[in-house]
N, C-alpha and C. Protein backbone atom coordinates (compact mmCIF):
# COMPACT_ATOMS: atom_id res chain seq x y z
N UNK A 1 5.24 4.96 25.20
CA UNK A 1 4.39 3.77 25.14
C UNK A 1 3.05 4.07 25.79
N UNK A 2 1.97 3.67 25.15
CA UNK A 2 0.64 3.88 25.70
C UNK A 2 0.33 2.74 26.65
N UNK A 3 0.06 3.04 27.91
CA UNK A 3 -0.20 1.99 28.89
C UNK A 3 -1.68 1.81 29.15
N UNK A 4 -2.49 2.80 28.86
CA UNK A 4 -3.93 2.66 29.00
C UNK A 4 -4.56 2.64 27.61
N UNK A 5 -5.57 1.80 27.48
CA UNK A 5 -6.25 1.69 26.20
C UNK A 5 -7.61 2.35 26.31
N UNK A 6 -7.89 3.30 25.44
CA UNK A 6 -9.21 3.92 25.37
C UNK A 6 -9.91 3.33 24.16
N UNK A 7 -10.99 2.58 24.41
CA UNK A 7 -11.72 1.98 23.30
C UNK A 7 -12.37 3.08 22.46
N UNK A 8 -12.21 2.98 21.15
CA UNK A 8 -12.90 3.86 20.22
C UNK A 8 -14.05 3.08 19.60
N UNK A 9 -15.18 3.72 19.33
CA UNK A 9 -16.27 3.02 18.66
C UNK A 9 -15.78 2.46 17.33
N UNK A 10 -16.14 1.22 16.99
CA UNK A 10 -15.63 0.62 15.75
C UNK A 10 -15.88 1.46 14.51
N UNK A 11 -16.98 2.21 14.48
CA UNK A 11 -17.27 3.01 13.28
C UNK A 11 -16.28 4.16 13.09
N UNK A 12 -15.44 4.43 14.10
CA UNK A 12 -14.45 5.50 13.99
C UNK A 12 -13.08 4.99 13.53
N UNK A 13 -12.98 3.71 13.18
CA UNK A 13 -11.68 3.15 12.84
C UNK A 13 -11.21 3.64 11.48
N UNK A 14 -9.93 3.39 11.19
CA UNK A 14 -9.38 3.76 9.89
C UNK A 14 -9.99 2.84 8.84
N UNK A 15 -9.93 3.24 7.55
CA UNK A 15 -10.61 2.47 6.50
C UNK A 15 -10.12 1.03 6.41
N UNK A 16 -11.00 0.17 6.00
CA UNK A 16 -10.86 -1.24 5.67
C UNK A 16 -10.02 -2.05 6.66
N UNK A 17 -8.73 -1.70 6.84
CA UNK A 17 -7.90 -2.51 7.72
C UNK A 17 -8.46 -2.52 9.14
N UNK A 18 -9.04 -1.40 9.58
CA UNK A 18 -9.80 -1.40 10.81
C UNK A 18 -9.01 -1.25 12.09
N UNK A 19 -7.88 -0.54 12.08
CA UNK A 19 -7.16 -0.31 13.34
C UNK A 19 -7.95 0.70 14.17
N UNK A 20 -8.28 0.32 15.43
CA UNK A 20 -9.12 1.19 16.24
C UNK A 20 -8.42 1.70 17.50
N UNK A 21 -7.31 1.09 17.92
CA UNK A 21 -6.66 1.54 19.15
C UNK A 21 -5.26 0.98 19.25
N UNK A 22 -4.45 1.65 20.08
CA UNK A 22 -3.11 1.18 20.43
C UNK A 22 -3.03 1.08 21.94
N UNK A 23 -2.16 0.16 22.40
CA UNK A 23 -1.88 0.10 23.83
C UNK A 23 -2.69 -0.95 24.56
N UNK A 24 -2.97 -0.67 25.83
CA UNK A 24 -3.71 -1.62 26.63
C UNK A 24 -2.86 -2.81 27.03
N UNK A 25 -3.52 -3.89 27.38
CA UNK A 25 -2.83 -5.10 27.79
C UNK A 25 -3.56 -6.31 27.23
N UNK A 26 -3.02 -7.48 27.51
CA UNK A 26 -3.61 -8.73 27.02
C UNK A 26 -4.13 -9.57 28.17
N UNK A 27 -4.57 -8.92 29.23
CA UNK A 27 -5.17 -9.65 30.34
C UNK A 27 -6.49 -10.27 29.87
N UNK A 28 -6.89 -11.39 30.47
CA UNK A 28 -8.13 -12.05 30.04
C UNK A 28 -9.35 -11.13 30.01
N UNK A 29 -9.50 -10.29 31.02
CA UNK A 29 -10.67 -9.40 31.05
C UNK A 29 -10.64 -8.41 29.89
N UNK A 30 -9.46 -7.93 29.52
CA UNK A 30 -9.33 -7.01 28.40
C UNK A 30 -9.69 -7.71 27.09
N UNK A 31 -9.16 -8.92 26.91
CA UNK A 31 -9.42 -9.66 25.68
C UNK A 31 -10.90 -9.99 25.52
N UNK A 32 -11.52 -10.46 26.59
CA UNK A 32 -12.94 -10.83 26.50
C UNK A 32 -13.78 -9.59 26.20
N UNK A 33 -13.47 -8.48 26.87
CA UNK A 33 -14.21 -7.24 26.59
C UNK A 33 -14.02 -6.81 25.14
N UNK A 34 -12.82 -6.96 24.61
CA UNK A 34 -12.55 -6.57 23.23
C UNK A 34 -13.36 -7.42 22.25
N UNK A 35 -13.31 -8.74 22.42
CA UNK A 35 -14.06 -9.61 21.51
C UNK A 35 -15.56 -9.31 21.57
N UNK A 36 -16.06 -9.01 22.75
CA UNK A 36 -17.48 -8.67 22.88
C UNK A 36 -17.83 -7.38 22.14
N UNK A 37 -16.85 -6.51 21.94
CA UNK A 37 -17.07 -5.26 21.21
C UNK A 37 -16.79 -5.39 19.71
N UNK A 38 -16.35 -6.58 19.29
CA UNK A 38 -16.03 -6.76 17.88
C UNK A 38 -14.60 -6.41 17.53
N UNK A 39 -13.71 -6.38 18.53
CA UNK A 39 -12.30 -6.05 18.32
C UNK A 39 -11.43 -7.28 18.57
N UNK A 40 -10.24 -7.26 18.03
CA UNK A 40 -9.27 -8.31 18.33
C UNK A 40 -7.86 -7.72 18.24
N UNK A 41 -6.89 -8.32 18.97
CA UNK A 41 -5.53 -7.80 18.94
C UNK A 41 -4.69 -8.49 17.88
N UNK A 42 -3.80 -7.75 17.27
CA UNK A 42 -2.80 -8.32 16.39
C UNK A 42 -1.62 -7.36 16.33
N UNK A 43 -0.44 -7.82 16.74
CA UNK A 43 0.70 -6.90 16.75
C UNK A 43 1.15 -6.52 15.35
N UNK A 44 1.80 -5.38 15.28
CA UNK A 44 2.39 -4.89 14.04
C UNK A 44 3.89 -4.76 14.28
N UNK A 45 4.74 -5.28 13.38
CA UNK A 45 6.18 -5.18 13.59
C UNK A 45 6.62 -3.74 13.84
N UNK A 46 7.51 -3.58 14.81
CA UNK A 46 8.13 -2.30 15.18
C UNK A 46 7.15 -1.32 15.81
N UNK A 47 5.93 -1.77 16.13
CA UNK A 47 4.99 -0.95 16.90
C UNK A 47 4.92 -1.54 18.29
N UNK A 48 5.37 -0.77 19.29
CA UNK A 48 5.47 -1.32 20.65
C UNK A 48 4.11 -1.54 21.29
N UNK A 49 3.19 -0.57 21.30
CA UNK A 49 1.88 -0.86 21.90
C UNK A 49 1.13 -1.91 21.08
N UNK A 50 0.26 -2.67 21.75
CA UNK A 50 -0.58 -3.61 21.02
C UNK A 50 -1.53 -2.84 20.10
N UNK A 51 -1.84 -3.44 18.95
CA UNK A 51 -2.76 -2.84 17.99
C UNK A 51 -4.06 -3.63 18.02
N UNK A 52 -5.18 -2.92 18.04
CA UNK A 52 -6.51 -3.53 18.10
C UNK A 52 -7.28 -3.20 16.82
N UNK A 53 -8.02 -4.18 16.31
CA UNK A 53 -8.59 -4.10 14.98
C UNK A 53 -10.09 -4.38 14.98
N UNK A 54 -10.78 -3.74 14.04
CA UNK A 54 -12.18 -4.04 13.75
C UNK A 54 -12.39 -3.76 12.26
N UNK A 55 -12.02 -4.72 11.39
CA UNK A 55 -12.07 -4.47 9.94
C UNK A 55 -13.49 -4.19 9.44
N UNK A 56 -13.57 -3.40 8.39
CA UNK A 56 -14.82 -3.13 7.71
C UNK A 56 -14.55 -3.12 6.21
N UNK A 57 -14.99 -4.14 5.46
CA UNK A 57 -15.87 -5.23 5.87
C UNK A 57 -15.14 -6.29 6.69
N UNK A 58 -15.93 -7.19 7.29
CA UNK A 58 -15.41 -8.25 8.14
C UNK A 58 -15.69 -9.59 7.47
N UNK A 59 -14.73 -10.49 7.52
CA UNK A 59 -14.90 -11.81 6.91
C UNK A 59 -15.52 -12.77 7.92
N UNK A 60 -16.56 -13.45 7.50
CA UNK A 60 -17.24 -14.44 8.32
C UNK A 60 -17.45 -15.70 7.48
N UNK A 61 -17.73 -16.80 8.18
CA UNK A 61 -17.96 -18.06 7.49
C UNK A 61 -19.43 -18.44 7.62
N UNK A 62 -20.22 -18.31 6.55
CA UNK A 62 -21.64 -18.68 6.62
C UNK A 62 -21.81 -20.19 6.82
N UNK A 63 -22.37 -20.58 7.93
CA UNK A 63 -22.43 -22.00 8.27
C UNK A 63 -23.39 -22.77 7.38
N UNK A 64 -24.42 -22.10 6.90
CA UNK A 64 -25.42 -22.81 6.09
C UNK A 64 -24.95 -23.03 4.66
N UNK A 65 -23.84 -22.40 4.28
CA UNK A 65 -23.37 -22.55 2.90
C UNK A 65 -22.01 -23.24 2.83
N UNK A 66 -21.57 -23.78 3.95
CA UNK A 66 -20.29 -24.49 3.95
C UNK A 66 -20.48 -25.85 3.28
N UNK A 67 -19.88 -26.01 2.11
CA UNK A 67 -20.02 -27.24 1.35
C UNK A 67 -18.64 -27.82 1.05
N UNK A 68 -18.22 -28.84 1.79
CA UNK A 68 -16.91 -29.45 1.51
C UNK A 68 -16.85 -30.04 0.10
N UNK A 69 -15.74 -29.84 -0.55
CA UNK A 69 -15.54 -30.45 -1.86
C UNK A 69 -15.41 -31.97 -1.71
N UNK A 70 -15.44 -32.65 -2.84
CA UNK A 70 -15.29 -34.11 -2.79
C UNK A 70 -13.95 -34.50 -2.18
N UNK A 71 -12.89 -33.80 -2.55
CA UNK A 71 -11.57 -34.13 -2.01
C UNK A 71 -11.50 -33.84 -0.51
N UNK A 72 -12.17 -32.76 -0.07
CA UNK A 72 -12.17 -32.46 1.36
C UNK A 72 -12.97 -33.51 2.13
N UNK A 73 -14.06 -33.98 1.55
CA UNK A 73 -14.82 -35.04 2.22
C UNK A 73 -13.98 -36.29 2.38
N UNK A 74 -13.15 -36.59 1.40
CA UNK A 74 -12.25 -37.74 1.54
C UNK A 74 -11.26 -37.50 2.66
N UNK A 75 -10.74 -36.27 2.75
CA UNK A 75 -9.78 -35.95 3.82
C UNK A 75 -10.44 -36.03 5.20
N UNK A 76 -11.70 -35.60 5.29
CA UNK A 76 -12.42 -35.67 6.56
C UNK A 76 -12.51 -37.12 7.03
N UNK A 77 -12.73 -38.04 6.10
CA UNK A 77 -12.80 -39.46 6.46
C UNK A 77 -11.42 -40.02 6.80
N UNK A 78 -10.37 -39.43 6.22
CA UNK A 78 -9.03 -39.98 6.40
C UNK A 78 -8.42 -39.60 7.75
N UNK A 79 -8.72 -38.38 8.23
CA UNK A 79 -8.12 -37.91 9.47
C UNK A 79 -9.09 -38.07 10.65
N UNK A 80 -8.54 -38.02 11.85
CA UNK A 80 -9.34 -37.97 13.07
C UNK A 80 -9.25 -36.57 13.65
N UNK A 81 -10.35 -36.07 14.20
CA UNK A 81 -10.34 -34.75 14.83
C UNK A 81 -10.70 -34.87 16.30
N UNK A 82 -10.14 -33.96 17.09
CA UNK A 82 -10.47 -33.84 18.50
C UNK A 82 -10.64 -32.36 18.82
N UNK A 83 -11.16 -32.09 20.01
CA UNK A 83 -11.38 -30.71 20.45
C UNK A 83 -10.76 -30.53 21.83
N UNK A 84 -9.93 -29.51 21.96
CA UNK A 84 -9.30 -29.15 23.24
C UNK A 84 -8.47 -30.28 23.84
N UNK A 85 -7.91 -31.13 23.00
CA UNK A 85 -7.05 -32.20 23.50
C UNK A 85 -5.57 -31.86 23.37
N UNK A 86 -5.23 -30.84 22.59
CA UNK A 86 -3.81 -30.50 22.39
C UNK A 86 -3.71 -29.01 22.08
N UNK A 87 -4.31 -28.19 22.95
CA UNK A 87 -4.32 -26.74 22.68
C UNK A 87 -2.90 -26.20 22.54
N UNK A 88 -2.02 -26.58 23.45
CA UNK A 88 -0.64 -26.06 23.41
C UNK A 88 0.06 -26.43 22.11
N UNK A 89 -0.13 -27.65 21.65
CA UNK A 89 0.51 -28.08 20.41
C UNK A 89 -0.05 -27.33 19.20
N UNK A 90 -1.35 -27.09 19.20
CA UNK A 90 -1.94 -26.31 18.10
C UNK A 90 -1.41 -24.89 18.12
N UNK A 91 -1.34 -24.30 19.31
CA UNK A 91 -0.80 -22.95 19.41
C UNK A 91 0.63 -22.89 18.91
N UNK A 92 1.44 -23.87 19.26
CA UNK A 92 2.82 -23.91 18.78
C UNK A 92 2.87 -24.05 17.26
N UNK A 93 1.97 -24.88 16.69
CA UNK A 93 1.94 -25.04 15.24
C UNK A 93 1.58 -23.74 14.54
N UNK A 94 0.61 -23.02 15.10
CA UNK A 94 0.20 -21.75 14.50
C UNK A 94 1.28 -20.68 14.65
N UNK A 95 2.04 -20.76 15.74
CA UNK A 95 3.06 -19.74 16.03
C UNK A 95 4.43 -20.09 15.46
N UNK A 96 4.55 -21.15 14.71
CA UNK A 96 5.82 -21.57 14.14
C UNK A 96 6.51 -20.38 13.45
N UNK A 97 7.68 -19.96 13.92
CA UNK A 97 8.33 -18.78 13.33
C UNK A 97 8.75 -18.96 11.88
N UNK A 98 8.79 -20.19 11.40
CA UNK A 98 9.17 -20.40 10.00
C UNK A 98 8.01 -20.14 9.04
N UNK A 99 6.79 -19.97 9.58
CA UNK A 99 5.65 -19.69 8.71
C UNK A 99 5.73 -18.25 8.20
N UNK A 100 5.34 -18.01 6.95
CA UNK A 100 5.36 -16.64 6.43
C UNK A 100 4.34 -15.77 7.15
N UNK A 101 4.68 -14.50 7.34
CA UNK A 101 3.78 -13.52 7.95
C UNK A 101 3.36 -13.93 9.36
N UNK A 102 4.26 -14.55 10.09
CA UNK A 102 3.94 -14.95 11.45
C UNK A 102 3.71 -13.74 12.34
N UNK A 103 2.68 -13.80 13.19
CA UNK A 103 2.35 -12.67 14.05
C UNK A 103 2.13 -13.07 15.50
N UNK A 104 2.19 -14.37 15.80
CA UNK A 104 1.89 -14.84 17.16
C UNK A 104 3.17 -14.77 17.98
N UNK A 105 3.34 -13.68 18.69
CA UNK A 105 4.49 -13.50 19.56
C UNK A 105 4.31 -14.33 20.83
N UNK A 106 5.36 -14.43 21.64
CA UNK A 106 5.24 -15.14 22.90
C UNK A 106 4.25 -14.45 23.82
N UNK A 107 4.18 -13.12 23.75
CA UNK A 107 3.19 -12.39 24.54
C UNK A 107 1.78 -12.79 24.14
N UNK A 108 1.54 -12.90 22.83
CA UNK A 108 0.22 -13.31 22.36
C UNK A 108 -0.08 -14.75 22.76
N UNK A 109 0.90 -15.63 22.59
CA UNK A 109 0.69 -17.03 22.94
C UNK A 109 0.35 -17.18 24.42
N UNK A 110 1.06 -16.47 25.27
CA UNK A 110 0.79 -16.54 26.71
C UNK A 110 -0.61 -16.07 27.04
N UNK A 111 -1.06 -15.03 26.34
CA UNK A 111 -2.40 -14.50 26.58
C UNK A 111 -3.47 -15.53 26.24
N UNK A 112 -3.29 -16.25 25.13
CA UNK A 112 -4.30 -17.24 24.74
C UNK A 112 -4.21 -18.50 25.57
N UNK A 113 -3.05 -18.80 26.10
CA UNK A 113 -2.98 -19.90 27.07
C UNK A 113 -3.82 -19.58 28.30
N UNK A 114 -3.75 -18.36 28.76
CA UNK A 114 -4.56 -17.96 29.92
C UNK A 114 -6.05 -18.03 29.58
N UNK A 115 -6.41 -17.58 28.39
CA UNK A 115 -7.81 -17.67 27.99
C UNK A 115 -8.27 -19.12 27.90
N UNK A 116 -7.40 -20.00 27.45
CA UNK A 116 -7.74 -21.42 27.39
C UNK A 116 -7.97 -21.97 28.80
N UNK A 117 -7.10 -21.62 29.71
CA UNK A 117 -7.25 -22.08 31.09
C UNK A 117 -8.57 -21.62 31.70
N UNK A 118 -9.07 -20.46 31.25
CA UNK A 118 -10.31 -19.90 31.77
C UNK A 118 -11.54 -20.36 30.98
N UNK A 119 -11.34 -21.17 29.95
CA UNK A 119 -12.47 -21.70 29.19
C UNK A 119 -12.94 -20.85 28.04
N UNK A 120 -12.15 -19.85 27.62
CA UNK A 120 -12.55 -19.00 26.49
C UNK A 120 -11.86 -19.38 25.18
N UNK A 121 -10.63 -19.81 25.23
CA UNK A 121 -9.90 -20.17 24.01
C UNK A 121 -9.94 -21.68 23.82
N UNK A 122 -10.14 -22.11 22.57
CA UNK A 122 -10.33 -23.53 22.29
C UNK A 122 -9.59 -23.91 21.01
N UNK A 123 -9.34 -25.20 20.88
CA UNK A 123 -8.63 -25.69 19.71
C UNK A 123 -9.37 -26.88 19.10
N UNK A 124 -9.19 -27.03 17.81
CA UNK A 124 -9.60 -28.24 17.09
C UNK A 124 -8.34 -28.86 16.53
N UNK A 125 -8.13 -30.13 16.80
CA UNK A 125 -6.92 -30.83 16.37
C UNK A 125 -7.24 -31.84 15.28
N UNK A 126 -6.30 -32.01 14.37
CA UNK A 126 -6.44 -32.98 13.29
C UNK A 126 -5.25 -33.94 13.36
N UNK A 127 -5.56 -35.23 13.35
CA UNK A 127 -4.55 -36.26 13.59
C UNK A 127 -4.49 -37.24 12.44
N UNK A 128 -3.28 -37.67 12.10
CA UNK A 128 -3.04 -38.82 11.24
C UNK A 128 -2.37 -39.85 12.13
N UNK A 129 -3.12 -40.85 12.53
CA UNK A 129 -2.66 -41.79 13.56
C UNK A 129 -2.35 -40.99 14.83
N UNK A 130 -1.10 -41.03 15.32
CA UNK A 130 -0.76 -40.31 16.54
C UNK A 130 -0.08 -38.97 16.27
N UNK A 131 -0.02 -38.56 15.01
CA UNK A 131 0.68 -37.34 14.65
C UNK A 131 -0.31 -36.19 14.47
N UNK A 132 -0.02 -35.06 15.12
CA UNK A 132 -0.82 -33.85 14.91
C UNK A 132 -0.41 -33.23 13.58
N UNK A 133 -1.35 -33.18 12.64
CA UNK A 133 -1.01 -32.71 11.30
C UNK A 133 -1.70 -31.39 10.95
N UNK A 134 -2.51 -30.86 11.86
CA UNK A 134 -3.15 -29.59 11.60
C UNK A 134 -4.08 -29.21 12.73
N UNK A 135 -4.61 -27.99 12.65
CA UNK A 135 -5.54 -27.56 13.67
C UNK A 135 -5.81 -26.07 13.59
N UNK A 136 -6.68 -25.63 14.47
CA UNK A 136 -6.99 -24.20 14.57
C UNK A 136 -7.30 -23.88 16.03
N UNK A 137 -7.22 -22.59 16.36
CA UNK A 137 -7.65 -22.15 17.68
C UNK A 137 -8.35 -20.81 17.56
N UNK A 138 -9.13 -20.50 18.58
CA UNK A 138 -9.84 -19.23 18.59
C UNK A 138 -10.54 -19.03 19.91
N UNK A 139 -11.37 -18.01 19.96
CA UNK A 139 -12.05 -17.60 21.19
C UNK A 139 -13.54 -17.81 21.02
N UNK A 140 -14.16 -18.47 22.00
CA UNK A 140 -15.59 -18.76 21.97
C UNK A 140 -16.30 -18.05 23.10
N UNK A 141 -17.37 -17.32 22.77
CA UNK A 141 -18.25 -16.69 23.75
C UNK A 141 -19.67 -16.91 23.24
N UNK A 142 -20.47 -17.66 23.98
CA UNK A 142 -21.80 -17.99 23.49
C UNK A 142 -21.71 -18.77 22.19
N UNK A 143 -22.46 -18.34 21.18
CA UNK A 143 -22.36 -18.99 19.86
C UNK A 143 -21.50 -18.18 18.89
N UNK A 144 -20.63 -17.35 19.45
CA UNK A 144 -19.64 -16.60 18.67
C UNK A 144 -18.30 -17.32 18.77
N UNK A 145 -17.65 -17.51 17.62
CA UNK A 145 -16.30 -18.07 17.62
C UNK A 145 -15.42 -17.17 16.77
N UNK A 146 -14.36 -16.66 17.38
CA UNK A 146 -13.39 -15.81 16.68
C UNK A 146 -12.19 -16.67 16.30
N UNK A 147 -12.11 -17.05 15.04
CA UNK A 147 -10.98 -17.84 14.59
C UNK A 147 -9.72 -17.00 14.55
N UNK A 148 -8.69 -17.46 15.25
CA UNK A 148 -7.44 -16.70 15.32
C UNK A 148 -6.39 -17.19 14.33
N UNK A 149 -6.18 -18.49 14.26
CA UNK A 149 -5.14 -18.99 13.37
C UNK A 149 -5.35 -20.48 13.14
N UNK A 150 -4.80 -20.98 12.03
CA UNK A 150 -4.83 -22.40 11.72
C UNK A 150 -3.51 -22.78 11.07
N UNK A 151 -3.22 -24.06 11.08
CA UNK A 151 -1.98 -24.53 10.44
C UNK A 151 -2.22 -25.93 9.90
N UNK A 152 -1.34 -26.36 9.02
CA UNK A 152 -1.40 -27.73 8.53
C UNK A 152 0.00 -28.23 8.21
N UNK A 153 0.17 -29.54 8.40
CA UNK A 153 1.41 -30.22 8.03
C UNK A 153 1.12 -31.36 7.06
N UNK A 154 -0.14 -31.49 6.69
CA UNK A 154 -0.56 -32.52 5.73
C UNK A 154 -1.70 -31.93 4.90
N UNK A 155 -1.89 -32.46 3.72
CA UNK A 155 -2.88 -31.93 2.79
C UNK A 155 -4.27 -31.85 3.42
N UNK A 156 -4.87 -30.69 3.33
CA UNK A 156 -6.25 -30.43 3.77
C UNK A 156 -6.44 -30.45 5.29
N UNK A 157 -5.38 -30.58 6.07
CA UNK A 157 -5.57 -30.76 7.51
C UNK A 157 -6.23 -29.54 8.16
N UNK A 158 -5.85 -28.32 7.77
CA UNK A 158 -6.48 -27.14 8.37
C UNK A 158 -7.93 -27.03 7.91
N UNK A 159 -8.23 -27.44 6.68
CA UNK A 159 -9.60 -27.42 6.19
C UNK A 159 -10.46 -28.41 6.96
N UNK A 160 -9.90 -29.54 7.31
CA UNK A 160 -10.63 -30.53 8.10
C UNK A 160 -10.95 -29.97 9.49
N UNK A 161 -10.00 -29.25 10.07
CA UNK A 161 -10.25 -28.61 11.37
C UNK A 161 -11.41 -27.62 11.26
N UNK A 162 -11.43 -26.84 10.19
CA UNK A 162 -12.50 -25.87 10.00
C UNK A 162 -13.84 -26.57 9.79
N UNK A 163 -13.82 -27.67 9.06
CA UNK A 163 -15.06 -28.42 8.84
C UNK A 163 -15.61 -28.95 10.16
N UNK A 164 -14.74 -29.40 11.05
CA UNK A 164 -15.20 -29.87 12.37
C UNK A 164 -15.80 -28.71 13.16
N UNK A 165 -15.17 -27.55 13.10
CA UNK A 165 -15.69 -26.38 13.81
C UNK A 165 -17.08 -26.02 13.27
N UNK A 166 -17.22 -26.00 11.96
CA UNK A 166 -18.53 -25.69 11.36
C UNK A 166 -19.57 -26.69 11.84
N UNK A 167 -19.23 -27.96 11.86
CA UNK A 167 -20.16 -28.99 12.32
C UNK A 167 -20.63 -28.71 13.75
N UNK A 168 -19.73 -28.21 14.59
CA UNK A 168 -20.08 -27.92 15.98
C UNK A 168 -21.05 -26.76 16.10
N UNK A 169 -20.93 -25.77 15.21
CA UNK A 169 -21.73 -24.56 15.32
C UNK A 169 -23.00 -24.57 14.48
N UNK A 170 -23.10 -25.47 13.52
CA UNK A 170 -24.27 -25.48 12.64
C UNK A 170 -25.61 -25.65 13.37
N UNK A 171 -25.69 -26.40 14.47
CA UNK A 171 -26.99 -26.53 15.15
C UNK A 171 -27.50 -25.23 15.78
N UNK A 172 -26.67 -24.22 15.87
CA UNK A 172 -27.05 -22.98 16.55
C UNK A 172 -27.45 -21.94 15.51
N UNK A 173 -28.71 -21.53 15.54
CA UNK A 173 -29.25 -20.73 14.44
C UNK A 173 -28.63 -19.34 14.34
N UNK A 174 -28.15 -18.78 15.45
CA UNK A 174 -27.59 -17.42 15.40
C UNK A 174 -26.07 -17.42 15.58
N UNK A 175 -25.46 -18.55 15.33
CA UNK A 175 -24.01 -18.64 15.50
C UNK A 175 -23.27 -17.73 14.51
N UNK A 176 -22.11 -17.27 14.94
CA UNK A 176 -21.27 -16.41 14.10
C UNK A 176 -19.83 -16.89 14.21
N UNK A 177 -19.27 -17.32 13.08
CA UNK A 177 -17.86 -17.71 13.02
C UNK A 177 -17.11 -16.61 12.27
N UNK A 178 -16.27 -15.91 13.00
CA UNK A 178 -15.53 -14.74 12.50
C UNK A 178 -14.14 -15.18 12.05
N UNK A 179 -13.77 -14.84 10.82
CA UNK A 179 -12.43 -15.17 10.33
C UNK A 179 -11.64 -13.90 9.97
N UNK A 180 -12.13 -12.75 10.43
CA UNK A 180 -11.41 -11.47 10.41
C UNK A 180 -11.28 -10.88 9.01
N UNK A 181 -10.25 -11.25 8.26
CA UNK A 181 -10.03 -10.74 6.91
C UNK A 181 -10.19 -11.85 5.89
N UNK A 182 -10.73 -11.52 4.74
CA UNK A 182 -10.90 -12.51 3.69
C UNK A 182 -9.55 -12.84 3.06
N UNK A 183 -9.34 -14.10 2.72
CA UNK A 183 -8.17 -14.57 1.98
C UNK A 183 -8.67 -15.52 0.90
N UNK A 184 -7.88 -15.75 -0.15
CA UNK A 184 -8.31 -16.72 -1.17
C UNK A 184 -8.60 -18.10 -0.58
N UNK A 185 -7.79 -18.52 0.40
CA UNK A 185 -7.99 -19.82 1.04
C UNK A 185 -9.35 -19.87 1.74
N UNK A 186 -9.67 -18.83 2.52
CA UNK A 186 -10.95 -18.81 3.22
C UNK A 186 -12.11 -18.64 2.25
N UNK A 187 -11.91 -17.83 1.21
CA UNK A 187 -12.98 -17.65 0.22
C UNK A 187 -13.30 -18.98 -0.47
N UNK A 188 -12.30 -19.81 -0.68
CA UNK A 188 -12.54 -21.11 -1.33
C UNK A 188 -13.38 -22.02 -0.46
N UNK A 189 -13.44 -21.73 0.85
CA UNK A 189 -14.24 -22.52 1.78
C UNK A 189 -15.60 -21.88 2.04
N UNK A 190 -15.89 -20.78 1.36
CA UNK A 190 -17.19 -20.15 1.49
C UNK A 190 -17.24 -18.90 2.33
N UNK A 191 -16.10 -18.43 2.83
CA UNK A 191 -16.10 -17.20 3.63
C UNK A 191 -16.55 -16.02 2.77
N UNK A 192 -17.20 -15.07 3.42
CA UNK A 192 -17.68 -13.87 2.72
C UNK A 192 -17.47 -12.65 3.61
N UNK A 193 -17.60 -11.47 3.01
CA UNK A 193 -17.45 -10.22 3.75
C UNK A 193 -18.82 -9.60 4.01
N UNK A 194 -18.99 -9.08 5.23
CA UNK A 194 -20.19 -8.32 5.57
C UNK A 194 -19.75 -6.99 6.16
N UNK A 195 -20.63 -5.98 6.09
CA UNK A 195 -20.23 -4.68 6.62
C UNK A 195 -20.26 -4.70 8.15
N UNK A 196 -19.60 -3.72 8.74
CA UNK A 196 -19.41 -3.72 10.18
C UNK A 196 -20.73 -3.65 10.95
N UNK A 197 -21.67 -2.85 10.48
CA UNK A 197 -22.94 -2.75 11.19
C UNK A 197 -23.63 -4.10 11.26
N UNK A 198 -23.63 -4.82 10.15
CA UNK A 198 -24.25 -6.14 10.14
C UNK A 198 -23.49 -7.10 11.05
N UNK A 199 -22.16 -7.00 11.00
CA UNK A 199 -21.34 -7.86 11.86
C UNK A 199 -21.65 -7.62 13.34
N UNK A 200 -21.70 -6.35 13.75
CA UNK A 200 -21.94 -6.04 15.16
C UNK A 200 -23.33 -6.49 15.61
N UNK A 201 -24.31 -6.40 14.71
CA UNK A 201 -25.64 -6.89 15.04
C UNK A 201 -25.63 -8.40 15.24
N UNK A 202 -24.99 -9.11 14.32
CA UNK A 202 -24.92 -10.56 14.45
C UNK A 202 -24.09 -10.99 15.66
N UNK A 203 -23.04 -10.22 15.97
CA UNK A 203 -22.23 -10.51 17.14
C UNK A 203 -23.08 -10.44 18.41
N UNK A 204 -23.85 -9.36 18.55
CA UNK A 204 -24.69 -9.21 19.74
C UNK A 204 -25.65 -10.38 19.90
N UNK A 205 -26.22 -10.84 18.79
CA UNK A 205 -27.14 -11.98 18.85
C UNK A 205 -26.42 -13.26 19.24
N UNK A 206 -25.22 -13.46 18.71
CA UNK A 206 -24.47 -14.68 18.99
C UNK A 206 -23.98 -14.74 20.44
N UNK A 207 -23.67 -13.59 21.01
CA UNK A 207 -23.18 -13.56 22.39
C UNK A 207 -24.28 -13.89 23.38
N UNK A 208 -25.51 -13.78 22.95
CA UNK A 208 -26.66 -13.82 23.87
C UNK A 208 -27.32 -15.19 23.96
N UNK A 209 -26.58 -16.26 23.65
CA UNK A 209 -27.13 -17.60 23.79
C UNK A 209 -26.01 -18.59 24.05
N UNK A 210 -26.33 -19.71 24.71
CA UNK A 210 -25.29 -20.71 25.00
C UNK A 210 -24.77 -21.34 23.70
N UNK A 211 -23.49 -21.69 23.71
CA UNK A 211 -22.88 -22.29 22.55
C UNK A 211 -22.30 -23.66 22.85
N UNK A 212 -21.59 -24.23 21.89
CA UNK A 212 -21.10 -25.61 22.03
C UNK A 212 -20.05 -25.80 23.12
N UNK A 213 -19.40 -24.73 23.53
CA UNK A 213 -18.39 -24.87 24.58
C UNK A 213 -18.92 -24.53 25.97
N UNK A 214 -20.18 -24.17 26.07
CA UNK A 214 -20.76 -23.83 27.37
C UNK A 214 -21.21 -25.07 28.11
N UNK A 215 -21.09 -25.04 29.42
CA UNK A 215 -21.49 -26.18 30.23
C UNK A 215 -23.01 -26.29 30.24
N UNK A 216 -23.47 -27.51 30.39
CA UNK A 216 -24.92 -27.74 30.48
C UNK A 216 -25.49 -27.11 31.75
């Protein structure tokens, strides 16, 4: 088992999938340093050390081109959204073991709880009356937001959470919302792929200014 993590420059990673390192830990300082370098952790089944990733190309959500469909606009009016009011419940929803391709282990969940306690990890919740029907969570540093996972229990609920997140970041001209890998679901919401060099440049700019989660 690798107990020390040696960061490799992102440009040295393996093709497309972007695995750049094994090992290390999930302490808050390690995680924050990783996100600042454009890396994120995601375990791989039957691989004991943690795996760290920097995909090339990288999927991001262009805030100026996010256009909710008519049906999504109706859903936005139908549900209520909150921010950081039920982080634990959102994390549990995202980590539900019955979901296909689940990757949020208890080790990962504990790490993001610690980041939330320190003001780095945040959630957007979507409610139908008093019931939590969807949400997302991720890591915020400056005007950079790394989306980690989302879930829904009602039609469009995860999309509504994403729309609220976009609304929060749109006033910031150099904001960067990272969604890691492109999927048909994210592409339908306007996500696109950019190359790693462009991503790292935009990341540096986004880290260098206050964002919506920073104190006045």
